[in-house]
All heavy atoms as atom14 arrays in JSON, in Angstrom:
{
  "sequence": "QMNHIPMHIDYDKNVDWFSTQLQATCNVHQSLFNDWFSGHLNFQIEHH",
  "atom14_mask": [
    [1, 1, 1, 1, 1, 1, 1, 1, 1, 0, 0, 0, 0, 0],
    [1, 1, 1, 1, 1, 1, 1, 1, 0, 0, 0, 0, 0, 0],
    [1, 1, 1, 1, 1, 1, 1, 1, 0, 0, 0, 0, 0, 0],
    [1, 1, 1, 1, 1, 1, 1, 1, 1, 1, 0, 0, 0, 0],
    [1, 1, 1, 1, 1, 1, 1, 1, 0, 0, 0, 0, 0, 0],
    [1, 1, 1, 1, 1, 1, 1, 0, 0, 0, 0, 0, 0, 0],
    [1, 1, 1, 1, 1, 1, 1, 1, 0, 0, 0, 0, 0, 0],
    [1, 1, 1, 1, 1, 1, 1, 1, 1, 1, 0, 0, 0, 0],
    [1, 1, 1, 1, 1, 1, 1, 1, 0, 0, 0, 0, 0, 0],
    [1, 1, 1, 1, 1, 1, 1, 1, 0, 0, 0, 0, 0, 0],
    [1, 1, 1, 1, 1, 1, 1, 1, 1, 1, 1, 1, 0, 0],
    [1, 1, 1, 1, 1, 1, 1, 1, 0, 0, 0, 0, 0, 0],
    [1, 1, 1, 1, 1, 1, 1, 1, 1, 0, 0, 0, 0, 0],
    [1, 1, 1, 1, 1, 1, 1, 1, 0, 0, 0, 0, 0, 0],
    [1, 1, 1, 1, 1, 1, 1, 0, 0, 0, 0, 0, 0, 0],
    [1, 1, 1, 1, 1, 1, 1, 1, 0, 0, 0, 0, 0, 0],
    [1, 1, 1, 1, 1, 1, 1, 1, 1, 1, 1, 1, 1, 1],
    [1, 1, 1, 1, 1, 1, 1, 1, 1, 1, 1, 0, 0, 0],
    [1, 1, 1, 1, 1, 1, 0, 0, 0, 0, 0, 0, 0, 0],
    [1, 1, 1, 1, 1, 1, 1, 0, 0, 0, 0, 0, 0, 0],
    [1, 1, 1, 1, 1, 1, 1, 1, 1, 0, 0, 0, 0, 0],
    [1, 1, 1, 1, 1, 1, 1, 1, 0, 0, 0, 0, 0, 0],
    [1, 1, 1, 1, 1, 1, 1, 1, 1, 0, 0, 0, 0, 0],
    [1, 1, 1, 1, 1, 0, 0, 0, 0, 0, 0, 0, 0, 0],
    [1, 1, 1, 1, 1, 1, 1, 0, 0, 0, 0, 0, 0, 0],
    [1, 1, 1, 1, 1, 1, 0, 0, 0, 0, 0, 0, 0, 0],
    [1, 1, 1, 1, 1, 1, 1, 1, 0, 0, 0, 0, 0, 0],
    [1, 1, 1, 1, 1, 1, 1, 0, 0, 0, 0, 0, 0, 0],
    [1, 1, 1, 1, 1, 1, 1, 1, 1, 1, 0, 0, 0, 0],
    [1, 1, 1, 1, 1, 1, 1, 1, 1, 0, 0, 0, 0, 0],
    [1, 1, 1, 1, 1, 1, 0, 0, 0, 0, 0, 0, 0, 0],
    [1, 1, 1, 1, 1, 1, 1, 1, 0, 0, 0, 0, 0, 0],
    [1, 1, 1, 1, 1, 1, 1, 1, 1, 1, 1, 0, 0, 0],
    [1, 1, 1, 1, 1, 1, 1, 1, 0, 0, 0, 0, 0, 0],
    [1, 1, 1, 1, 1, 1, 1, 1, 0, 0, 0, 0, 0, 0],
    [1, 1, 1, 1, 1, 1, 1, 1, 1, 1, 1, 1, 1, 1],
    [1, 1, 1, 1, 1, 1, 1, 1, 1, 1, 1, 0, 0, 0],
    [1, 1, 1, 1, 1, 1, 0, 0, 0, 0, 0, 0, 0, 0],
    [1, 1, 1, 1, 0, 0, 0, 0, 0, 0, 0, 0, 0, 0],
    [1, 1, 1, 1, 1, 1, 1, 1, 1, 1, 0, 0, 0, 0],
    [1, 1, 1, 1, 1, 1, 1, 1, 0, 0, 0, 0, 0, 0],
    [1, 1, 1, 1, 1, 1, 1, 1, 0, 0, 0, 0, 0, 0],
    [1, 1, 1, 1, 1, 1, 1, 1, 1, 1, 1, 0, 0, 0],
    [1, 1, 1, 1, 1, 1, 1, 1, 1, 0, 0, 0, 0, 0],
    [1, 1, 1, 1, 1, 1, 1, 1, 0, 0, 0, 0, 0, 0],
    [1, 1, 1, 1, 1, 1, 1, 1, 1, 0, 0, 0, 0, 0],
    [1, 1, 1, 1, 1, 1, 1, 1, 1, 1, 0, 0, 0, 0],
    [1, 1, 1, 1, 1, 1, 1, 1, 1, 1, 0, 0, 0, 0]
  ],
  "atom14_positions": [
    [[115.72, 99.61, 111.54], [114.28, 99.56, 111.8], [113.5, 100.69, 111.13], [112.33, 100.53, 110.82], [114.01, 99.58, 113.31], [114.62, 98.42, 114.07], [114.23, 97.08, 113.48], [113.06, 96.73, 113.36], [115.24, 96.3, 113.06], [0.0, 0.0, 0.0], [0.0, 0.0, 0.0], [0.0, 0.0, 0.0], [0.0, 0.0, 0.0], [0.0, 0.0, 0.0]],
    [[114.15, 101.83, 110.9], [113.41, 102.98, 110.41], [112.87, 102.77, 109.0], [111.9, 103.43, 108.59], [114.28, 104.24, 110.43], [115.45, 104.21, 109.46], [116.52, 105.66, 109.67], [117.73, 105.37, 108.39], [0.0, 0.0, 0.0], [0.0, 0.0, 0.0], [0.0, 0.0, 0.0], [0.0, 0.0, 0.0], [0.0, 0.0, 0.0], [0.0, 0.0, 0.0]],
    [[113.46, 101.86, 108.24], [113.01, 101.66, 106.87], [112.25, 100.35, 106.66], [112.0, 99.96, 105.52], [114.2, 101.74, 105.9], [115.43, 101.06, 106.45], [115.33, 100.02, 107.09], [116.61, 101.63, 106.2], [0.0, 0.0, 0.0], [0.0, 0.0, 0.0], [0.0, 0.0, 0.0], [0.0, 0.0, 0.0], [0.0, 0.0, 0.0], [0.0, 0.0, 0.0]],
    [[111.86, 99.69, 107.75], [111.05, 98.47, 107.66], [109.84, 98.47, 108.6], [108.73, 98.15, 108.19], [111.91, 97.23, 107.98], [112.8, 96.81, 106.87], [112.34, 96.39, 105.65], [114.15, 96.76, 106.78], [113.35, 96.09, 104.86], [114.47, 96.3, 105.52], [0.0, 0.0, 0.0], [0.0, 0.0, 0.0], [0.0, 0.0, 0.0], [0.0, 0.0, 0.0]],
    [[110.06, 98.81, 109.86], [109.0, 98.7, 110.86], [107.77, 99.57, 110.54], [106.65, 99.17, 110.85], [109.55, 99.04, 112.27], [110.57, 97.96, 112.69], [108.44, 99.12, 113.3], [110.0, 96.55, 112.72], [0.0, 0.0, 0.0], [0.0, 0.0, 0.0], [0.0, 0.0, 0.0], [0.0, 0.0, 0.0], [0.0, 0.0, 0.0], [0.0, 0.0, 0.0]],
    [[107.91, 100.76, 109.93], [106.71, 101.54, 109.61], [105.83, 100.9, 108.53], [104.7, 101.34, 108.32], [107.27, 102.88, 109.11], [108.67, 102.94, 109.62], [109.14, 101.53, 109.63], [0.0, 0.0, 0.0], [0.0, 0.0, 0.0], [0.0, 0.0, 0.0], [0.0, 0.0, 0.0], [0.0, 0.0, 0.0], [0.0, 0.0, 0.0], [0.0, 0.0, 0.0]],
    [[106.33, 99.87, 107.86], [105.63, 99.3, 106.72], [104.76, 98.1, 107.13], [104.64, 97.76, 108.3], [106.65, 98.9, 105.65], [107.51, 100.07, 105.17], [106.55, 101.46, 104.55], [105.91, 100.76, 103.03], [0.0, 0.0, 0.0], [0.0, 0.0, 0.0], [0.0, 0.0, 0.0], [0.0, 0.0, 0.0], [0.0, 0.0, 0.0], [0.0, 0.0, 0.0]],
    [[104.19, 97.45, 106.13], [103.25, 96.34, 106.34], [103.97, 95.14, 106.97], [104.97, 94.66, 106.44], [102.64, 95.93, 105.0], [101.62, 94.85, 105.09], [100.37, 95.07, 105.63], [101.66, 93.55, 104.73], [99.68, 93.95, 105.58], [100.43, 93.01, 105.05], [0.0, 0.0, 0.0], [0.0, 0.0, 0.0], [0.0, 0.0, 0.0], [0.0, 0.0, 0.0]],
    [[103.45, 94.65, 108.09], [104.0, 93.48, 108.78], [102.87, 92.48, 109.0], [101.84, 92.82, 109.6], [104.63, 93.85, 110.13], [105.75, 94.88, 109.94], [105.19, 92.61, 110.83], [106.34, 95.39, 111.24], [0.0, 0.0, 0.0], [0.0, 0.0, 0.0], [0.0, 0.0, 0.0], [0.0, 0.0, 0.0], [0.0, 0.0, 0.0], [0.0, 0.0, 0.0]],
    [[103.03, 91.27, 108.53], [101.96, 90.28, 108.65], [102.53, 88.9, 108.38], [103.72, 88.74, 108.08], [100.84, 90.6, 107.65], [99.51, 89.94, 108.01], [99.48, 89.14, 108.98], [98.52, 90.21, 107.32], [0.0, 0.0, 0.0], [0.0, 0.0, 0.0], [0.0, 0.0, 0.0], [0.0, 0.0, 0.0], [0.0, 0.0, 0.0], [0.0, 0.0, 0.0]],
    [[101.66, 87.87, 108.47], [102.07, 86.54, 108.05], [102.33, 86.55, 106.54], [101.85, 87.43, 105.82], [100.98, 85.53, 108.37], [100.76, 85.28, 109.84], [99.77, 85.97, 110.54], [101.56, 84.37, 110.54], [99.57, 85.74, 111.89], [101.37, 84.14, 111.89], [100.37, 84.84, 112.57], [100.18, 84.63, 113.91], [0.0, 0.0, 0.0], [0.0, 0.0, 0.0]],
    [[103.08, 85.57, 106.07], [103.38, 85.49, 104.66], [102.11, 85.18, 103.87], [101.43, 84.19, 104.11], [104.42, 84.38, 104.42], [104.85, 84.28, 102.97], [104.57, 85.22, 102.2], [105.48, 83.27, 102.62], [0.0, 0.0, 0.0], [0.0, 0.0, 0.0], [0.0, 0.0, 0.0], [0.0, 0.0, 0.0], [0.0, 0.0, 0.0], [0.0, 0.0, 0.0]],
    [[101.76, 86.05, 102.94], [100.57, 85.88, 102.11], [100.91, 85.32, 100.73], [100.03, 85.25, 99.86], [99.85, 87.23, 101.95], [99.42, 87.87, 103.25], [98.43, 87.01, 104.01], [97.96, 87.72, 105.28], [97.01, 86.89, 106.07], [0.0, 0.0, 0.0], [0.0, 0.0, 0.0], [0.0, 0.0, 0.0], [0.0, 0.0, 0.0], [0.0, 0.0, 0.0]],
    [[102.17, 84.93, 100.54], [102.62, 84.4, 99.25], [102.33, 85.34, 98.09], [101.92, 84.93, 97.01], [101.99, 83.02, 98.99], [102.56, 81.95, 99.9], [103.76, 81.87, 100.1], [101.69, 81.13, 100.46], [0.0, 0.0, 0.0], [0.0, 0.0, 0.0], [0.0, 0.0, 0.0], [0.0, 0.0, 0.0], [0.0, 0.0, 0.0], [0.0, 0.0, 0.0]],
    [[102.52, 86.63, 98.36], [102.39, 87.63, 97.3], [103.63, 87.55, 96.42], [104.67, 87.02, 96.83], [102.25, 89.04, 97.94], [102.05, 90.11, 96.88], [101.1, 89.05, 98.93], [0.0, 0.0, 0.0], [0.0, 0.0, 0.0], [0.0, 0.0, 0.0], [0.0, 0.0, 0.0], [0.0, 0.0, 0.0], [0.0, 0.0, 0.0], [0.0, 0.0, 0.0]],
    [[103.53, 88.05, 95.2], [104.69, 88.0, 94.3], [105.86, 88.74, 94.93], [105.69, 89.63, 95.76], [104.34, 88.63, 92.95], [104.02, 90.11, 93.05], [102.87, 90.45, 93.38], [104.92, 90.92, 92.81], [0.0, 0.0, 0.0], [0.0, 0.0, 0.0], [0.0, 0.0, 0.0], [0.0, 0.0, 0.0], [0.0, 0.0, 0.0], [0.0, 0.0, 0.0]],
    [[107.07, 88.34, 94.51], [108.3, 88.85, 95.13], [108.39, 90.36, 95.08], [108.72, 91.02, 96.07], [109.52, 88.23, 94.42], [110.83, 88.67, 94.99], [111.51, 88.12, 96.03], [111.63, 89.79, 94.54], [112.69, 88.81, 96.27], [112.78, 89.84, 95.38], [111.49, 90.73, 93.54], [113.77, 90.8, 95.22], [112.47, 91.7, 93.37], [113.6, 91.73, 94.21]],
    [[108.09, 90.97, 93.93], [108.22, 92.41, 93.77], [107.32, 93.16, 94.75], [107.77, 94.1, 95.42], [107.86, 92.78, 92.32], [108.07, 94.23, 91.99], [109.34, 94.72, 91.69], [106.99, 95.11, 91.96], [109.53, 96.06, 91.38], [107.18, 96.45, 91.65], [108.45, 96.92, 91.36], [0.0, 0.0, 0.0], [0.0, 0.0, 0.0], [0.0, 0.0, 0.0]],
    [[106.08, 92.73, 94.86], [105.14, 93.39, 95.77], [105.55, 93.19, 97.22], [105.42, 94.1, 98.04], [103.72, 92.84, 95.56], [103.28, 93.08, 94.24], [0.0, 0.0, 0.0], [0.0, 0.0, 0.0], [0.0, 0.0, 0.0], [0.0, 0.0, 0.0], [0.0, 0.0, 0.0], [0.0, 0.0, 0.0], [0.0, 0.0, 0.0], [0.0, 0.0, 0.0]],
    [[106.07, 92.0, 97.54], [106.52, 91.73, 98.91], [107.62, 92.7, 99.32], [107.62, 93.2, 100.45], [107.05, 90.28, 99.01], [106.0, 89.37, 98.7], [107.54, 89.99, 100.43], [0.0, 0.0, 0.0], [0.0, 0.0, 0.0], [0.0, 0.0, 0.0], [0.0, 0.0, 0.0], [0.0, 0.0, 0.0], [0.0, 0.0, 0.0], [0.0, 0.0, 0.0]],
    [[108.55, 92.96, 98.42], [109.65, 93.87, 98.74], [109.14, 95.3, 98.93], [109.58, 96.0, 99.86], [110.7, 93.85, 97.61], [111.27, 92.47, 97.3], [111.93, 91.81, 98.5], [112.64, 92.44, 99.28], [111.66, 90.52, 98.67], [0.0, 0.0, 0.0], [0.0, 0.0, 0.0], [0.0, 0.0, 0.0], [0.0, 0.0, 0.0], [0.0, 0.0, 0.0]],
    [[108.23, 95.75, 98.09], [107.74, 97.12, 98.17], [106.88, 97.34, 99.4], [106.91, 98.42, 100.01], [106.95, 97.48, 96.91], [107.76, 97.66, 95.63], [106.84, 98.05, 94.48], [108.84, 98.73, 95.81], [0.0, 0.0, 0.0], [0.0, 0.0, 0.0], [0.0, 0.0, 0.0], [0.0, 0.0, 0.0], [0.0, 0.0, 0.0], [0.0, 0.0, 0.0]],
    [[106.09, 96.35, 99.8], [105.23, 96.49, 100.97], [106.02, 96.6, 102.26], [105.53, 97.16, 103.24], [104.28, 95.28, 101.07], [103.19, 95.26, 100.03], [102.33, 94.0, 100.12], [102.61, 93.12, 100.94], [101.32, 93.91, 99.28], [0.0, 0.0, 0.0], [0.0, 0.0, 0.0], [0.0, 0.0, 0.0], [0.0, 0.0, 0.0], [0.0, 0.0, 0.0]],
    [[107.25, 96.09, 102.25], [108.02, 96.0, 103.5], [109.11, 97.04, 103.63], [109.8, 97.08, 104.65], [108.64, 94.6, 103.62], [0.0, 0.0, 0.0], [0.0, 0.0, 0.0], [0.0, 0.0, 0.0], [0.0, 0.0, 0.0], [0.0, 0.0, 0.0], [0.0, 0.0, 0.0], [0.0, 0.0, 0.0], [0.0, 0.0, 0.0], [0.0, 0.0, 0.0]],
    [[109.3, 97.89, 102.61], [110.43, 98.81, 102.64], [109.99, 100.25, 102.39], [109.02, 100.5, 101.67], [111.47, 98.44, 101.57], [110.82, 98.37, 100.28], [112.12, 97.11, 101.87], [0.0, 0.0, 0.0], [0.0, 0.0, 0.0], [0.0, 0.0, 0.0], [0.0, 0.0, 0.0], [0.0, 0.0, 0.0], [0.0, 0.0, 0.0], [0.0, 0.0, 0.0]],
    [[110.71, 101.17, 102.98], [110.49, 102.59, 102.7], [111.84, 103.3, 102.73], [112.78, 102.83, 103.37], [109.52, 103.23, 103.69], [110.11, 103.3, 105.39], [0.0, 0.0, 0.0], [0.0, 0.0, 0.0], [0.0, 0.0, 0.0], [0.0, 0.0, 0.0], [0.0, 0.0, 0.0], [0.0, 0.0, 0.0], [0.0, 0.0, 0.0], [0.0, 0.0, 0.0]],
    [[111.93, 104.4, 102.03], [113.16, 105.17, 101.99], [113.16, 106.29, 103.03], [112.11, 106.69, 103.52], [113.37, 105.78, 100.59], [113.87, 104.75, 99.6], [114.09, 103.59, 99.93], [114.04, 105.17, 98.35], [0.0, 0.0, 0.0], [0.0, 0.0, 0.0], [0.0, 0.0, 0.0], [0.0, 0.0, 0.0], [0.0, 0.0, 0.0], [0.0, 0.0, 0.0]],
    [[114.34, 106.77, 103.33], [114.53, 107.89, 104.25], [115.21, 109.01, 103.47], [116.02, 108.74, 102.58], [115.38, 107.47, 105.47], [115.66, 108.65, 106.38], [114.68, 106.36, 106.23], [0.0, 0.0, 0.0], [0.0, 0.0, 0.0], [0.0, 0.0, 0.0], [0.0, 0.0, 0.0], [0.0, 0.0, 0.0], [0.0, 0.0, 0.0], [0.0, 0.0, 0.0]],
    [[114.9, 110.23, 103.78], [115.38, 111.39, 103.04], [116.87, 111.31, 102.74], [117.67, 110.96, 103.61], [115.1, 112.67, 103.85], [115.57, 113.92, 103.18], [114.99, 114.42, 102.03], [116.59, 114.77, 103.47], [115.62, 115.52, 101.66], [116.6, 115.76, 102.52], [0.0, 0.0, 0.0], [0.0, 0.0, 0.0], [0.0, 0.0, 0.0], [0.0, 0.0, 0.0]],
    [[117.23, 111.62, 101.51], [118.63, 111.56, 101.09], [119.37, 112.84, 101.47], [118.91, 113.95, 101.25], [118.69, 111.36, 99.57], [120.07, 111.01, 99.03], [120.94, 112.22, 98.76], [120.43, 113.29, 98.43], [122.25, 112.05, 98.92], [0.0, 0.0, 0.0], [0.0, 0.0, 0.0], [0.0, 0.0, 0.0], [0.0, 0.0, 0.0], [0.0, 0.0, 0.0]],
    [[120.53, 112.68, 102.06], [121.45, 113.77, 102.35], [122.83, 113.16, 102.54], [122.95, 111.95, 102.71], [121.03, 114.54, 103.61], [121.22, 113.74, 104.77], [0.0, 0.0, 0.0], [0.0, 0.0, 0.0], [0.0, 0.0, 0.0], [0.0, 0.0, 0.0], [0.0, 0.0, 0.0], [0.0, 0.0, 0.0], [0.0, 0.0, 0.0], [0.0, 0.0, 0.0]],
    [[123.85, 113.98, 102.52], [125.21, 113.45, 102.72], [125.32, 112.77, 104.08], [125.94, 111.7, 104.2], [126.23, 114.59, 102.61], [126.49, 115.12, 101.19], [127.45, 116.3, 101.24], [127.06, 114.01, 100.3], [0.0, 0.0, 0.0], [0.0, 0.0, 0.0], [0.0, 0.0, 0.0], [0.0, 0.0, 0.0], [0.0, 0.0, 0.0], [0.0, 0.0, 0.0]],
    [[124.72, 113.37, 105.11], [124.78, 112.77, 106.43], [124.0, 111.46, 106.48], [124.49, 110.45, 107.0], [124.23, 113.72, 107.5], [124.17, 113.1, 108.87], [125.32, 112.99, 109.65], [122.98, 112.58, 109.36], [125.27, 112.4, 110.9], [122.92, 111.99, 110.62], [124.07, 111.9, 111.39], [0.0, 0.0, 0.0], [0.0, 0.0, 0.0], [0.0, 0.0, 0.0]],
    [[122.77, 111.46, 105.96], [121.96, 110.24, 106.0], [122.59, 109.11, 105.2], [122.51, 107.95, 105.6], [120.55, 110.53, 105.48], [119.7, 111.27, 106.48], [120.13, 111.52, 107.61], [118.51, 111.67, 106.08], [0.0, 0.0, 0.0], [0.0, 0.0, 0.0], [0.0, 0.0, 0.0], [0.0, 0.0, 0.0], [0.0, 0.0, 0.0], [0.0, 0.0, 0.0]],
    [[123.2, 109.44, 104.06], [123.89, 108.42, 103.27], [125.0, 107.78, 104.09], [125.16, 106.55, 104.11], [124.49, 109.03, 102.0], [123.42, 109.46, 101.01], [122.24, 109.15, 101.22], [123.79, 110.12, 100.01], [0.0, 0.0, 0.0], [0.0, 0.0, 0.0], [0.0, 0.0, 0.0], [0.0, 0.0, 0.0], [0.0, 0.0, 0.0], [0.0, 0.0, 0.0]],
    [[125.79, 108.63, 104.76], [126.91, 108.13, 105.57], [126.42, 107.39, 106.81], [126.89, 106.3, 107.13], [127.8, 109.3, 106.0], [128.84, 108.93, 107.0], [130.05, 108.36, 106.75], [128.76, 109.08, 108.42], [130.73, 108.14, 107.93], [129.96, 108.58, 108.97], [127.79, 109.6, 109.28], [130.21, 108.58, 110.35], [128.04, 109.59, 110.64], [129.24, 109.09, 111.16]],
    [[125.46, 107.99, 107.52], [124.98, 107.43, 108.78], [124.33, 106.06, 108.58], [124.48, 105.17, 109.42], [123.96, 108.39, 109.41], [123.5, 107.98, 110.77], [124.26, 108.26, 111.9], [122.29, 107.31, 110.95], [123.83, 107.89, 113.17], [121.86, 106.93, 112.22], [122.63, 107.23, 113.33], [0.0, 0.0, 0.0], [0.0, 0.0, 0.0], [0.0, 0.0, 0.0]],
    [[123.63, 105.86, 107.47], [122.89, 104.62, 107.24], [123.6, 103.66, 106.3], [123.06, 102.6, 106.0], [121.51, 104.95, 106.66], [121.63, 105.5, 105.36], [0.0, 0.0, 0.0], [0.0, 0.0, 0.0], [0.0, 0.0, 0.0], [0.0, 0.0, 0.0], [0.0, 0.0, 0.0], [0.0, 0.0, 0.0], [0.0, 0.0, 0.0], [0.0, 0.0, 0.0]],
    [[124.8, 104.01, 105.84], [125.46, 103.15, 104.87], [124.68, 103.04, 103.58], [124.68, 101.99, 102.92], [0.0, 0.0, 0.0], [0.0, 0.0, 0.0], [0.0, 0.0, 0.0], [0.0, 0.0, 0.0], [0.0, 0.0, 0.0], [0.0, 0.0, 0.0], [0.0, 0.0, 0.0], [0.0, 0.0, 0.0], [0.0, 0.0, 0.0], [0.0, 0.0, 0.0]],
    [[123.97, 104.11, 103.22], [123.1, 104.19, 102.04], [121.87, 103.29, 102.17], [121.17, 103.07, 101.17], [123.85, 103.85, 100.75], [124.82, 104.91, 100.34], [126.11, 104.98, 100.84], [124.7, 105.97, 99.49], [126.74, 106.01, 100.29], [125.9, 106.64, 99.49], [0.0, 0.0, 0.0], [0.0, 0.0, 0.0], [0.0, 0.0, 0.0], [0.0, 0.0, 0.0]],
    [[121.58, 102.79, 103.37], [120.36, 102.0, 103.55], [119.13, 102.89, 103.71], [118.03, 102.39, 103.95], [120.51, 101.06, 104.75], [121.55, 99.96, 104.55], [121.63, 99.06, 105.76], [121.23, 99.14, 103.3], [0.0, 0.0, 0.0], [0.0, 0.0, 0.0], [0.0, 0.0, 0.0], [0.0, 0.0, 0.0], [0.0, 0.0, 0.0], [0.0, 0.0, 0.0]],
    [[119.31, 104.19, 103.58], [118.16, 105.08, 103.45], [117.5, 104.87, 102.09], [116.34, 105.23, 101.9], [118.57, 106.55, 103.63], [119.78, 106.95, 102.81], [120.62, 106.13, 102.48], [119.87, 108.21, 102.46], [0.0, 0.0, 0.0], [0.0, 0.0, 0.0], [0.0, 0.0, 0.0], [0.0, 0.0, 0.0], [0.0, 0.0, 0.0], [0.0, 0.0, 0.0]],
    [[118.22, 104.24, 101.14], [117.63, 103.81, 99.88], [117.2, 102.34, 100.01], [117.64, 101.48, 99.24], [118.65, 103.95, 98.74], [119.02, 105.36, 98.4], [120.15, 105.95, 98.95], [118.24, 106.11, 97.53], [120.51, 107.25, 98.63], [118.59, 107.41, 97.21], [119.71, 107.99, 97.76], [0.0, 0.0, 0.0], [0.0, 0.0, 0.0], [0.0, 0.0, 0.0]],
    [[116.33, 102.06, 100.95], [115.99, 100.68, 101.26], [115.18, 100.01, 100.15], [115.33, 98.8, 99.91], [115.21, 100.61, 102.57], [115.09, 99.21, 103.15], [116.42, 98.63, 103.62], [116.58, 97.42, 103.68], [117.36, 99.49, 103.97], [0.0, 0.0, 0.0], [0.0, 0.0, 0.0], [0.0, 0.0, 0.0], [0.0, 0.0, 0.0], [0.0, 0.0, 0.0]],
    [[114.32, 100.77, 99.49], [113.53, 100.19, 98.39], [114.45, 99.7, 97.29], [114.35, 98.56, 96.82], [112.54, 101.23, 97.84], [111.52, 101.63, 98.91], [111.81, 100.68, 96.6], [110.61, 102.77, 98.52], [0.0, 0.0, 0.0], [0.0, 0.0, 0.0], [0.0, 0.0, 0.0], [0.0, 0.0, 0.0], [0.0, 0.0, 0.0], [0.0, 0.0, 0.0]],
    [[115.37, 100.57, 96.86], [116.3, 100.19, 95.8], [117.17, 99.02, 96.23], [117.45, 98.12, 95.43], [117.19, 101.4, 95.45], [116.49, 102.5, 94.69], [115.6, 103.37, 95.57], [115.66, 103.24, 96.82], [114.85, 104.19, 95.01], [0.0, 0.0, 0.0], [0.0, 0.0, 0.0], [0.0, 0.0, 0.0], [0.0, 0.0, 0.0], [0.0, 0.0, 0.0]],
    [[117.58, 99.02, 97.5], [118.43, 97.92, 97.98], [117.71, 96.58, 97.92], [118.3, 95.56, 97.55], [118.9, 98.19, 99.41], [119.62, 97.05, 100.03], [120.77, 96.52, 99.49], [119.33, 96.29, 101.13], [121.16, 95.49, 100.24], [120.31, 95.33, 101.22], [0.0, 0.0, 0.0], [0.0, 0.0, 0.0], [0.0, 0.0, 0.0], [0.0, 0.0, 0.0]],
    [[116.44, 96.56, 98.3], [115.71, 95.29, 98.3], [115.35, 94.83, 96.88], [115.24, 93.63, 96.64], [114.45, 95.41, 99.16], [114.67, 94.96, 100.56], [114.25, 93.74, 101.04], [115.28, 95.57, 101.6], [114.6, 93.61, 102.31], [115.22, 94.71, 102.68], [0.0, 0.0, 0.0], [0.0, 0.0, 0.0], [0.0, 0.0, 0.0], [0.0, 0.0, 0.0]]
  ]
}
């Protein structure tokens, strides 16, 4: 939830795929612990 819920949430506006992914995702600070704790999903933008 930490890398999606803070972002834009709304009905589908049929925006282009790239913009849809960026509006809904955010990253969390990178560290050895955060990488391990989140399974590297702290890089949520890159993952999406």
